[in-house]
Amino acid sequence: MAVVEVSIVPLGTGTTSLSPYVASCEKVLRENSEDLKYELTAMGTIIEGDLDKILKLIRKLHEVPFESGALRVSTSIKIDDRRDKQGTIEQKVKSVEDKLLG
């Protein structure tokens, strides 16, 4: 199972506000995330699940700003694909919090 962070940034929109584009991407994510878990964060979205399904979904998400009038889109993807044990969003956060507690 992979944990992937994706950030999709429309360029050439004539405005500095990105929230309408983020909301459009989130709608597509909600409609297409049947076997995936995800969290919207202030700087991107974290998706957990099968890597092939996630990458296919990211391809769809990348097109959303174009459909809303963006002239250019920059998509950044960070992938944590651990194969020695199953990693989850919660497990990754808990691991750090446990170390903070000492």
PDB file of N, CA and C in Angstrom:
ATOM      1  N   MET A   1       0.842  -1.178   0.000  1.00  0.00           N
ATOM      2  CA  MET A   1       0.000   0.000   0.000  1.00  0.00           C
ATOM      3  C   MET A   1       0.885   1.238   0.000  1.00  0.00           C
ATOM      4  N   ALA A   2       0.483   2.212  -0.773  1.00  0.00           N
ATOM      5  CA  ALA A   2       1.247   3.447  -0.898  1.00  0.00           C
ATOM      6  C   ALA A   2       0.541   4.589  -0.176  1.00  0.00           C
ATOM      7  N   VAL A   3       1.337   5.551   0.247  1.00  0.00           N
ATOM      8  CA  VAL A   3       0.835   6.819   0.761  1.00  0.00           C
ATOM      9  C   VAL A   3       1.413   7.880  -0.165  1.00  0.00           C
ATOM     10  N   VAL A   4       0.523   8.650  -0.793  1.00  0.00           N
ATOM     11  CA  VAL A   4       0.932   9.603  -1.817  1.00  0.00           C
ATOM     12  C   VAL A   4       0.411  10.988  -1.464  1.00  0.00           C
ATOM     13  N   GLU A   5       1.273  11.980  -1.584  1.00  0.00           N
ATOM     14  CA  GLU A   5       0.852  13.364  -1.417  1.00  0.00           C
ATOM     15  C   GLU A   5       0.834  14.008  -2.796  1.00  0.00           C
ATOM     16  N   VAL A   6      -0.256  14.659  -3.131  1.00  0.00           N
ATOM     17  CA  VAL A   6      -0.374  15.307  -4.430  1.00  0.00           C
ATOM     18  C   VAL A   6      -0.805  16.757  -4.233  1.00  0.00           C
ATOM     19  N   SER A   7      -0.214  17.616  -5.030  1.00  0.00           N
ATOM     20  CA  SER A   7      -0.568  19.028  -5.027  1.00  0.00           C
ATOM     21  C   SER A   7      -0.752  19.452  -6.480  1.00  0.00           C
ATOM     22  N   ILE A   8      -1.936  19.935  -6.801  1.00  0.00           N
ATOM     23  CA  ILE A   8      -2.261  20.331  -8.168  1.00  0.00           C
ATOM     24  C   ILE A   8      -2.486  21.839  -8.173  1.00  0.00           C
ATOM     25  N   VAL A   9      -1.669  22.546  -8.935  1.00  0.00           N
ATOM     26  CA  VAL A   9      -1.701  24.004  -8.925  1.00  0.00           C
ATOM     27  C   VAL A   9      -1.997  24.524 -10.325  1.00  0.00           C
ATOM     28  N   PRO A  10      -3.153  25.160 -10.506  1.00  0.00           N
ATOM     29  CA  PRO A  10      -3.450  25.766 -11.797  1.00  0.00           C
ATOM     30  C   PRO A  10      -2.698  27.083 -11.948  1.00  0.00           C
ATOM     31  N   LEU A  11      -2.215  27.332 -13.149  1.00  0.00           N
ATOM     32  CA  LEU A  11      -1.503  28.572 -13.450  1.00  0.00           C
ATOM     33  C   LEU A  11      -2.227  29.266 -14.602  1.00  0.00           C
ATOM     34  N   GLY A  12      -2.041  30.541 -14.719  1.00  0.00           N
ATOM     35  CA  GLY A  12      -2.657  31.273 -15.818  1.00  0.00           C
ATOM     36  C   GLY A  12      -4.165  31.412 -15.655  1.00  0.00           C
ATOM     37  N   THR A  13      -4.605  31.600 -14.408  1.00  0.00           N
ATOM     38  CA  THR A  13      -6.039  31.682 -14.144  1.00  0.00           C
ATOM     39  C   THR A  13      -6.531  33.113 -13.985  1.00  0.00           C
ATOM     40  N   GLY A  14      -5.613  34.062 -13.837  1.00  0.00           N
ATOM     41  CA  GLY A  14      -6.017  35.449 -13.661  1.00  0.00           C
ATOM     42  C   GLY A  14      -6.375  35.803 -12.227  1.00  0.00           C
ATOM     43  N   THR A  15      -6.190  34.858 -11.286  1.00  0.00           N
ATOM     44  CA  THR A  15      -6.485  35.113  -9.881  1.00  0.00           C
ATOM     45  C   THR A  15      -5.482  34.367  -9.006  1.00  0.00           C
ATOM     46  N   THR A  16      -5.287  34.871  -7.806  1.00  0.00           N
ATOM     47  CA  THR A  16      -4.405  34.180  -6.872  1.00  0.00           C
ATOM     48  C   THR A  16      -5.147  33.142  -6.042  1.00  0.00           C
ATOM     49  N   SER A  17      -6.458  33.156  -6.079  1.00  0.00           N
ATOM     50  CA  SER A  17      -7.257  32.209  -5.293  1.00  0.00           C
ATOM     51  C   SER A  17      -7.277  30.837  -5.962  1.00  0.00           C
ATOM     52  N   LEU A  18      -6.951  29.813  -5.198  1.00  0.00           N
ATOM     53  CA  LEU A  18      -6.941  28.446  -5.717  1.00  0.00           C
ATOM     54  C   LEU A  18      -8.094  27.598  -5.198  1.00  0.00           C
ATOM     55  N   SER A  19      -8.800  28.079  -4.173  1.00  0.00           N
ATOM     56  CA  SER A  19      -9.806  27.234  -3.527  1.00  0.00           C
ATOM     57  C   SER A  19     -10.904  26.731  -4.472  1.00  0.00           C
ATOM     58  N   PRO A  20     -11.359  27.495  -5.458  1.00  0.00           N
ATOM     59  CA  PRO A  20     -12.363  26.922  -6.370  1.00  0.00           C
ATOM     60  C   PRO A  20     -11.815  25.727  -7.156  1.00  0.00           C
ATOM     61  N   TYR A  21     -10.545  25.792  -7.535  1.00  0.00           N
ATOM     62  CA  TYR A  21      -9.926  24.684  -8.261  1.00  0.00           C
ATOM     63  C   TYR A  21      -9.712  23.478  -7.344  1.00  0.00           C
ATOM     64  N   VAL A  22      -9.302  23.757  -6.112  1.00  0.00           N
ATOM     65  CA  VAL A  22      -9.130  22.669  -5.136  1.00  0.00           C
ATOM     66  C   VAL A  22     -10.462  21.987  -4.876  1.00  0.00           C
ATOM     67  N   ALA A  23     -11.521  22.768  -4.730  1.00  0.00           N
ATOM     68  CA  ALA A  23     -12.850  22.197  -4.491  1.00  0.00           C
ATOM     69  C   ALA A  23     -13.286  21.319  -5.672  1.00  0.00           C
ATOM     70  N   SER A  24     -13.008  21.756  -6.887  1.00  0.00           N
ATOM     71  CA  SER A  24     -13.349  20.952  -8.060  1.00  0.00           C
ATOM     72  C   SER A  24     -12.576  19.637  -8.069  1.00  0.00           C
ATOM     73  N   CYS A  25     -11.310  19.696  -7.707  1.00  0.00           N
ATOM     74  CA  CYS A  25     -10.501  18.467  -7.620  1.00  0.00           C
ATOM     75  C   CYS A  25     -11.032  17.547  -6.522  1.00  0.00           C
ATOM     76  N   GLU A  26     -11.406  18.123  -5.396  1.00  0.00           N
ATOM     77  CA  GLU A  26     -11.923  17.313  -4.292  1.00  0.00           C
ATOM     78  C   GLU A  26     -13.225  16.607  -4.677  1.00  0.00           C
ATOM     79  N   LYS A  27     -14.069  17.269  -5.458  1.00  0.00           N
ATOM     80  CA  LYS A  27     -15.307  16.630  -5.924  1.00  0.00           C
ATOM     81  C   LYS A  27     -14.991  15.401  -6.766  1.00  0.00           C
ATOM     82  N   VAL A  28     -14.035  15.537  -7.673  1.00  0.00           N
ATOM     83  CA  VAL A  28     -13.636  14.406  -8.511  1.00  0.00           C
ATOM     84  C   VAL A  28     -13.015  13.310  -7.652  1.00  0.00           C
ATOM     85  N   LEU A  29     -12.226  13.698  -6.669  1.00  0.00           N
ATOM     86  CA  LEU A  29     -11.621  12.729  -5.754  1.00  0.00           C
ATOM     87  C   LEU A  29     -12.693  11.946  -5.014  1.00  0.00           C
ATOM     88  N   ARG A  30     -13.679  12.633  -4.475  1.00  0.00           N
ATOM     89  CA  ARG A  30     -14.764  11.963  -3.741  1.00  0.00           C
ATOM     90  C   ARG A  30     -15.540  10.989  -4.619  1.00  0.00           C
ATOM     91  N   GLU A  31     -15.717  11.349  -5.873  1.00  0.00           N
ATOM     92  CA  GLU A  31     -16.479  10.506  -6.798  1.00  0.00           C
ATOM     93  C   GLU A  31     -15.680   9.303  -7.307  1.00  0.00           C
ATOM     94  N   ASN A  32     -14.349   9.318  -7.134  1.00  0.00           N
ATOM     95  CA  ASN A  32     -13.499   8.289  -7.736  1.00  0.00           C
ATOM     96  C   ASN A  32     -12.547   7.628  -6.755  1.00  0.00           C
ATOM     97  N   SER A  33     -12.865   7.662  -5.475  1.00  0.00           N
ATOM     98  CA  SER A  33     -11.925   7.130  -4.469  1.00  0.00           C
ATOM     99  C   SER A  33     -12.473   5.896  -3.758  1.00  0.00           C
ATOM    100  N   GLU A  34     -13.192   5.037  -4.474  1.00  0.00           N
ATOM    101  CA  GLU A  34     -13.891   3.916  -3.849  1.00  0.00           C
ATOM    102  C   GLU A  34     -13.012   3.048  -2.950  1.00  0.00           C
ATOM    103  N   ASP A  35     -11.805   2.698  -3.350  1.00  0.00           N
ATOM    104  CA  ASP A  35     -10.939   1.842  -2.529  1.00  0.00           C
ATOM    105  C   ASP A  35      -9.775   2.609  -1.927  1.00  0.00           C
ATOM    106  N   LEU A  36      -9.871   3.920  -1.927  1.00  0.00           N
ATOM    107  CA  LEU A  36      -8.769   4.742  -1.447  1.00  0.00           C
ATOM    108  C   LEU A  36      -9.206   5.579  -0.257  1.00  0.00           C
ATOM    109  N   LYS A  37      -8.252   5.848   0.608  1.00  0.00           N
ATOM    110  CA  LYS A  37      -8.492   6.746   1.735  1.00  0.00           C
ATOM    111  C   LYS A  37      -7.733   8.039   1.417  1.00  0.00           C
ATOM    112  N   TYR A  38      -8.300   9.182   1.798  1.00  0.00           N
ATOM    113  CA  TYR A  38      -7.610  10.433   1.504  1.00  0.00           C
ATOM    114  C   TYR A  38      -7.896  11.470   2.572  1.00  0.00           C
ATOM    115  N   GLU A  39      -6.991  12.446   2.649  1.00  0.00           N
ATOM    116  CA  GLU A  39      -7.128  13.579   3.562  1.00  0.00           C
ATOM    117  C   GLU A  39      -6.730  14.850   2.833  1.00  0.00           C
ATOM    118  N   LEU A  40      -7.598  15.832   2.849  1.00  0.00           N
ATOM    119  CA  LEU A  40      -7.263  17.155   2.334  1.00  0.00           C
ATOM    120  C   LEU A  40      -6.462  17.877   3.408  1.00  0.00           C
ATOM    121  N   THR A  41      -5.326  18.459   3.024  1.00  0.00           N
ATOM    122  CA  THR A  41      -4.537  19.254   3.958  1.00  0.00           C
ATOM    123  C   THR A  41      -4.453  20.677   3.402  1.00  0.00           C
ATOM    124  N   ALA A  42      -3.844  21.554   4.143  1.00  0.00           N
ATOM    125  CA  ALA A  42      -3.741  22.948   3.708  1.00  0.00           C
ATOM    126  C   ALA A  42      -2.861  23.122   2.470  1.00  0.00           C
ATOM    127  N   MET A  43      -1.977  22.156   2.214  1.00  0.00           N
ATOM    128  CA  MET A  43      -1.023  22.310   1.124  1.00  0.00           C
ATOM    129  C   MET A  43      -1.108  21.220   0.059  1.00  0.00           C
ATOM    130  N   GLY A  44      -2.070  20.332   0.175  1.00  0.00           N
ATOM    131  CA  GLY A  44      -2.202  19.245  -0.786  1.00  0.00           C
ATOM    132  C   GLY A  44      -3.171  18.207  -0.257  1.00  0.00           C
ATOM    133  N   THR A  45      -3.183  17.059  -0.914  1.00  0.00           N
ATOM    134  CA  THR A  45      -4.042  15.955  -0.494  1.00  0.00           C
ATOM    135  C   THR A  45      -3.190  14.710  -0.353  1.00  0.00           C
ATOM    136  N   ILE A  46      -3.427  13.952   0.712  1.00  0.00           N
ATOM    137  CA  ILE A  46      -2.728  12.696   0.950  1.00  0.00           C
ATOM    138  C   ILE A  46      -3.698  11.569   0.620  1.00  0.00           C
ATOM    139  N   ILE A  47      -3.237  10.628  -0.195  1.00  0.00           N
ATOM    140  CA  ILE A  47      -4.068   9.511  -0.625  1.00  0.00           C
ATOM    141  C   ILE A  47      -3.367   8.211  -0.253  1.00  0.00           C
ATOM    142  N   GLU A  48      -4.134   7.260   0.275  1.00  0.00           N
ATOM    143  CA  GLU A  48      -3.593   5.969   0.712  1.00  0.00           C
ATOM    144  C   GLU A  48      -4.300   4.854  -0.046  1.00  0.00           C
ATOM    145  N   GLY A  49      -3.523   3.902  -0.544  1.00  0.00           N
ATOM    146  CA  GLY A  49      -4.126   2.761  -1.221  1.00  0.00           C
ATOM    147  C   GLY A  49      -3.208   2.158  -2.265  1.00  0.00           C
ATOM    148  N   ASP A  50      -3.803   1.449  -3.217  1.00  0.00           N
ATOM    149  CA  ASP A  50      -3.069   0.814  -4.295  1.00  0.00           C
ATOM    150  C   ASP A  50      -2.443   1.879  -5.200  1.00  0.00           C
ATOM    151  N   LEU A  51      -1.148   1.767  -5.434  1.00  0.00           N
ATOM    152  CA  LEU A  51      -0.433   2.806  -6.177  1.00  0.00           C
ATOM    153  C   LEU A  51      -0.974   2.979  -7.590  1.00  0.00           C
ATOM    154  N   ASP A  52      -1.295   1.898  -8.287  1.00  0.00           N
ATOM    155  CA  ASP A  52      -1.819   2.021  -9.645  1.00  0.00           C
ATOM    156  C   ASP A  52      -3.136   2.797  -9.664  1.00  0.00           C
ATOM    157  N   LYS A  53      -4.005   2.525  -8.687  1.00  0.00           N
ATOM    158  CA  LYS A  53      -5.284   3.237  -8.610  1.00  0.00           C
ATOM    159  C   LYS A  53      -5.065   4.715  -8.294  1.00  0.00           C
ATOM    160  N   ILE A  54      -4.120   4.983  -7.405  1.00  0.00           N
ATOM    161  CA  ILE A  54      -3.832   6.373  -7.035  1.00  0.00           C
ATOM    162  C   ILE A  54      -3.306   7.145  -8.238  1.00  0.00           C
ATOM    163  N   LEU A  55      -2.372   6.566  -8.972  1.00  0.00           N
ATOM    164  CA  LEU A  55      -1.796   7.265 -10.120  1.00  0.00           C
ATOM    165  C   LEU A  55      -2.840   7.504 -11.208  1.00  0.00           C
ATOM    166  N   LYS A  56      -3.730   6.547 -11.394  1.00  0.00           N
ATOM    167  CA  LYS A  56      -4.813   6.725 -12.364  1.00  0.00           C
ATOM    168  C   LYS A  56      -5.722   7.880 -11.932  1.00  0.00           C
ATOM    169  N   LEU A  57      -6.006   7.956 -10.643  1.00  0.00           N
ATOM    170  CA  LEU A  57      -6.836   9.032 -10.113  1.00  0.00           C
ATOM    171  C   LEU A  57      -6.130  10.383 -10.242  1.00  0.00           C
ATOM    172  N   ILE A  58      -4.845  10.426  -9.946  1.00  0.00           N
ATOM    173  CA  ILE A  58      -4.098  11.681 -10.064  1.00  0.00           C
ATOM    174  C   ILE A  58      -4.135  12.186 -11.504  1.00  0.00           C
ATOM    175  N   ARG A  59      -4.081  11.283 -12.461  1.00  0.00           N
ATOM    176  CA  ARG A  59      -4.173  11.691 -13.868  1.00  0.00           C
ATOM    177  C   ARG A  59      -5.504  12.398 -14.139  1.00  0.00           C
ATOM    178  N   LYS A  60      -6.589  11.868 -13.561  1.00  0.00           N
ATOM    179  CA  LYS A  60      -7.900  12.524 -13.696  1.00  0.00           C
ATOM    180  C   LYS A  60      -7.894  13.895 -13.023  1.00  0.00           C
ATOM    181  N   LEU A  61      -7.333  13.945 -11.818  1.00  0.00           N
ATOM    182  CA  LEU A  61      -7.307  15.193 -11.061  1.00  0.00           C
ATOM    183  C   LEU A  61      -6.500  16.270 -11.776  1.00  0.00           C
ATOM    184  N   HIS A  62      -5.436  15.865 -12.431  1.00  0.00           N
ATOM    185  CA  HIS A  62      -4.579  16.812 -13.151  1.00  0.00           C
ATOM    186  C   HIS A  62      -5.363  17.550 -14.246  1.00  0.00           C
ATOM    187  N   GLU A  63      -6.359  16.900 -14.813  1.00  0.00           N
ATOM    188  CA  GLU A  63      -7.148  17.500 -15.893  1.00  0.00           C
ATOM    189  C   GLU A  63      -8.214  18.477 -15.394  1.00  0.00           C
ATOM    190  N   VAL A  64      -8.598  18.372 -14.134  1.00  0.00           N
ATOM    191  CA  VAL A  64      -9.710  19.180 -13.608  1.00  0.00           C
ATOM    192  C   VAL A  64      -9.479  20.681 -13.766  1.00  0.00           C
ATOM    193  N   PRO A  65      -8.335  21.235 -13.405  1.00  0.00           N
ATOM    194  CA  PRO A  65      -8.160  22.683 -13.582  1.00  0.00           C
ATOM    195  C   PRO A  65      -8.248  23.131 -15.040  1.00  0.00           C
ATOM    196  N   PHE A  66      -7.775  22.283 -15.970  1.00  0.00           N
ATOM    197  CA  PHE A  66      -7.900  22.625 -17.388  1.00  0.00           C
ATOM    198  C   PHE A  66      -9.370  22.741 -17.773  1.00  0.00           C
ATOM    199  N   GLU A  67     -10.181  21.834 -17.255  1.00  0.00           N
ATOM    200  CA  GLU A  67     -11.613  21.851 -17.551  1.00  0.00           C
ATOM    201  C   GLU A  67     -12.291  23.092 -16.978  1.00  0.00           C
ATOM    202  N   SER A  68     -11.645  23.703 -15.977  1.00  0.00           N
ATOM    203  CA  SER A  68     -12.193  24.915 -15.356  1.00  0.00           C
ATOM    204  C   SER A  68     -11.551  26.186 -15.898  1.00  0.00           C
ATOM    205  N   GLY A  69     -10.768  26.082 -16.953  1.00  0.00           N
ATOM    206  CA  GLY A  69     -10.224  27.265 -17.587  1.00  0.00           C
ATOM    207  C   GLY A  69      -8.759  27.567 -17.359  1.00  0.00           C
ATOM    208  N   ALA A  70      -8.067  26.776 -16.541  1.00  0.00           N
ATOM    209  CA  ALA A  70      -6.639  27.019 -16.332  1.00  0.00           C
ATOM    210  C   ALA A  70      -5.888  26.792 -17.645  1.00  0.00           C
ATOM    211  N   LEU A  71      -4.871  27.589 -17.875  1.00  0.00           N
ATOM    212  CA  LEU A  71      -4.079  27.471 -19.095  1.00  0.00           C
ATOM    213  C   LEU A  71      -2.837  26.600 -18.895  1.00  0.00           C
ATOM    214  N   ARG A  72      -2.480  26.389 -17.633  1.00  0.00           N
ATOM    215  CA  ARG A  72      -1.297  25.583 -17.292  1.00  0.00           C
ATOM    216  C   ARG A  72      -1.536  24.976 -15.925  1.00  0.00           C
ATOM    217  N   VAL A  73      -1.063  23.738 -15.723  1.00  0.00           N
ATOM    218  CA  VAL A  73      -1.240  23.060 -14.442  1.00  0.00           C
ATOM    219  C   VAL A  73       0.084  22.420 -14.032  1.00  0.00           C
ATOM    220  N   SER A  74       0.478  22.667 -12.796  1.00  0.00           N
ATOM    221  CA  SER A  74       1.673  22.053 -12.233  1.00  0.00           C
ATOM    222  C   SER A  74       1.239  21.073 -11.149  1.00  0.00           C
ATOM    223  N   THR A  75       1.548  19.791 -11.338  1.00  0.00           N
ATOM    224  CA  THR A  75       1.172  18.758 -10.377  1.00  0.00           C
ATOM    225  C   THR A  75       2.431  18.157  -9.771  1.00  0.00           C
ATOM    226  N   SER A  76       2.498  18.177  -8.440  1.00  0.00           N
ATOM    227  CA  SER A  76       3.619  17.570  -7.710  1.00  0.00           C
ATOM    228  C   SER A  76       3.119  16.333  -6.986  1.00  0.00           C
ATOM    229  N   ILE A  77       3.902  15.261  -7.086  1.00  0.00           N
ATOM    230  CA  ILE A  77       3.529  13.994  -6.463  1.00  0.00           C
ATOM    231  C   ILE A  77       4.694  13.497  -5.613  1.00  0.00           C
ATOM    232  N   LYS A  78       4.390  13.130  -4.375  1.00  0.00           N
ATOM    233  CA  LYS A  78       5.371  12.515  -3.483  1.00  0.00           C
ATOM    234  C   LYS A  78       4.825  11.142  -3.107  1.00  0.00           C
ATOM    235  N   ILE A  79       5.594  10.074  -3.370  1.00  0.00           N
ATOM    236  CA  ILE A  79       5.124   8.708  -3.152  1.00  0.00           C
ATOM    237  C   ILE A  79       5.960   8.023  -2.084  1.00  0.00           C
ATOM    238  N   ASP A  80       5.286   7.446  -1.090  1.00  0.00           N
ATOM    239  CA  ASP A  80       5.926   6.569  -0.104  1.00  0.00           C
ATOM    240  C   ASP A  80       5.328   5.186  -0.334  1.00  0.00           C
ATOM    241  N   ASP A  81       6.073   4.309  -0.986  1.00  0.00           N
ATOM    242  CA  ASP A  81       5.609   2.969  -1.342  1.00  0.00           C
ATOM    243  C   ASP A  81       6.452   1.960  -0.582  1.00  0.00           C
ATOM    244  N   ARG A  82       6.040   1.663   0.620  1.00  0.00           N
ATOM    245  CA  ARG A  82       6.795   0.762   1.493  1.00  0.00           C
ATOM    246  C   ARG A  82       6.349  -0.669   1.270  1.00  0.00           C
ATOM    247  N   ARG A  83       7.316  -1.581   1.084  1.00  0.00           N
ATOM    248  CA  ARG A  83       6.978  -2.965   0.750  1.00  0.00           C
ATOM    249  C   ARG A  83       7.345  -3.959   1.842  1.00  0.00           C
ATOM    250  N   ASP A  84       8.047  -3.506   2.887  1.00  0.00           N
ATOM    251  CA  ASP A  84       8.406  -4.447   3.957  1.00  0.00           C
ATOM    252  C   ASP A  84       7.290  -4.589   4.992  1.00  0.00           C
ATOM    253  N   LYS A  85       6.415  -3.595   5.082  1.00  0.00           N
ATOM    254  CA  LYS A  85       5.240  -3.672   5.937  1.00  0.00           C
ATOM    255  C   LYS A  85       4.225  -2.668   5.436  1.00  0.00           C
ATOM    256  N   GLN A  86       2.987  -2.842   5.837  1.00  0.00           N
ATOM    257  CA  GLN A  86       1.927  -1.957   5.375  1.00  0.00           C
ATOM    258  C   GLN A  86       1.963  -0.637   6.138  1.00  0.00           C
ATOM    259  N   GLY A  87       2.101   0.436   5.407  1.00  0.00           N
ATOM    260  CA  GLY A  87       2.094   1.755   6.018  1.00  0.00           C
ATOM    261  C   GLY A  87       0.779   2.456   5.727  1.00  0.00           C
ATOM    262  N   THR A  88       0.310   3.205   6.685  1.00  0.00           N
ATOM    263  CA  THR A  88      -0.917   3.972   6.517  1.00  0.00           C
ATOM    264  C   THR A  88      -0.655   5.414   6.934  1.00  0.00           C
ATOM    265  N   ILE A  89      -1.575   6.278   6.602  1.00  0.00           N
ATOM    266  CA  ILE A  89      -1.464   7.674   7.008  1.00  0.00           C
ATOM    267  C   ILE A  89      -1.369   7.752   8.533  1.00  0.00           C
ATOM    268  N   GLU A  90      -2.285   7.055   9.221  1.00  0.00           N
ATOM    269  CA  GLU A  90      -2.314   7.095  10.686  1.00  0.00           C
ATOM    270  C   GLU A  90      -1.040   6.506  11.292  1.00  0.00           C
ATOM    271  N   GLN A  91      -0.556   5.411  10.724  1.00  0.00           N
ATOM    272  CA  GLN A  91       0.643   4.759  11.256  1.00  0.00           C
ATOM    273  C   GLN A  91       1.843   5.678  11.157  1.00  0.00           C
ATOM    274  N   LYS A  92       1.959   6.420  10.050  1.00  0.00           N
ATOM    275  CA  LYS A  92       3.095   7.319   9.871  1.00  0.00           C
ATOM    276  C   LYS A  92       3.067   8.446  10.909  1.00  0.00           C
ATOM    277  N   VAL A  93       1.892   9.004  11.157  1.00  0.00           N
ATOM    278  CA  VAL A  93       1.759  10.079  12.150  1.00  0.00           C
ATOM    279  C   VAL A  93       1.998   9.529  13.554  1.00  0.00           C
ATOM    280  N   LYS A  94       1.416   8.375  13.850  1.00  0.00           N
ATOM    281  CA  LYS A  94       1.570   7.772  15.175  1.00  0.00           C
ATOM    282  C   LYS A  94       3.033   7.459  15.478  1.00  0.00           C
ATOM    283  N   SER A  95       3.776   7.010  14.491  1.00  0.00           N
ATOM    284  CA  SER A  95       5.179   6.695  14.689  1.00  0.00           C
ATOM    285  C   SER A  95       5.954   7.921  15.170  1.00  0.00           C
ATOM    286  N   VAL A  96       5.676   9.078  14.591  1.00  0.00           N
ATOM    287  CA  VAL A  96       6.350  10.312  15.011  1.00  0.00           C
ATOM    288  C   VAL A  96       5.860  10.739  16.392  1.00  0.00           C
ATOM    289  N   GLU A  97       4.536  10.678  16.602  1.00  0.00           N
ATOM    290  CA  GLU A  97       3.998  11.084  17.913  1.00  0.00           C
ATOM    291  C   GLU A  97       4.540  10.215  19.034  1.00  0.00           C
ATOM    292  N   ASP A  98       4.685   8.904  18.807  1.00  0.00           N
ATOM    293  CA  ASP A  98       5.251   8.015  19.818  1.00  0.00           C
ATOM    294  C   ASP A  98       6.654   8.425  20.196  1.00  0.00           C
ATOM    295  N   LYS A  99       7.419   8.850  19.209  1.00  0.00           N
ATOM    296  CA  LYS A  99       8.813   9.267  19.482  1.00  0.00           C
ATOM    297  C   LYS A  99       8.838  10.593  20.238  1.00  0.00           C
ATOM    298  N   LEU A 100       7.853  11.448  20.006  1.00  0.00           N
ATOM    299  CA  LEU A 100       7.766  12.708  20.736  1.00  0.00           C
ATOM    300  C   LEU A 100       7.479  12.485  22.210  1.00  0.00           C
ATOM    301  N   LEU A 101       6.682  11.445  22.477  1.00  0.00           N
ATOM    302  CA  LEU A 101       6.325  11.114  23.862  1.00  0.00           C
ATOM    303  C   LEU A 101       7.472  10.438  24.586  1.00  0.00           C
ATOM    304  N   GLY A 102       8.412   9.941  23.812  1.00  0.00           N
ATOM    305  CA  GLY A 102       9.626   9.350  24.367  1.00  0.00           C
ATOM    306  C   GLY A 102       9.432   8.005  24.901  1.00  0.00           C
TER     307      GLY A 102
END
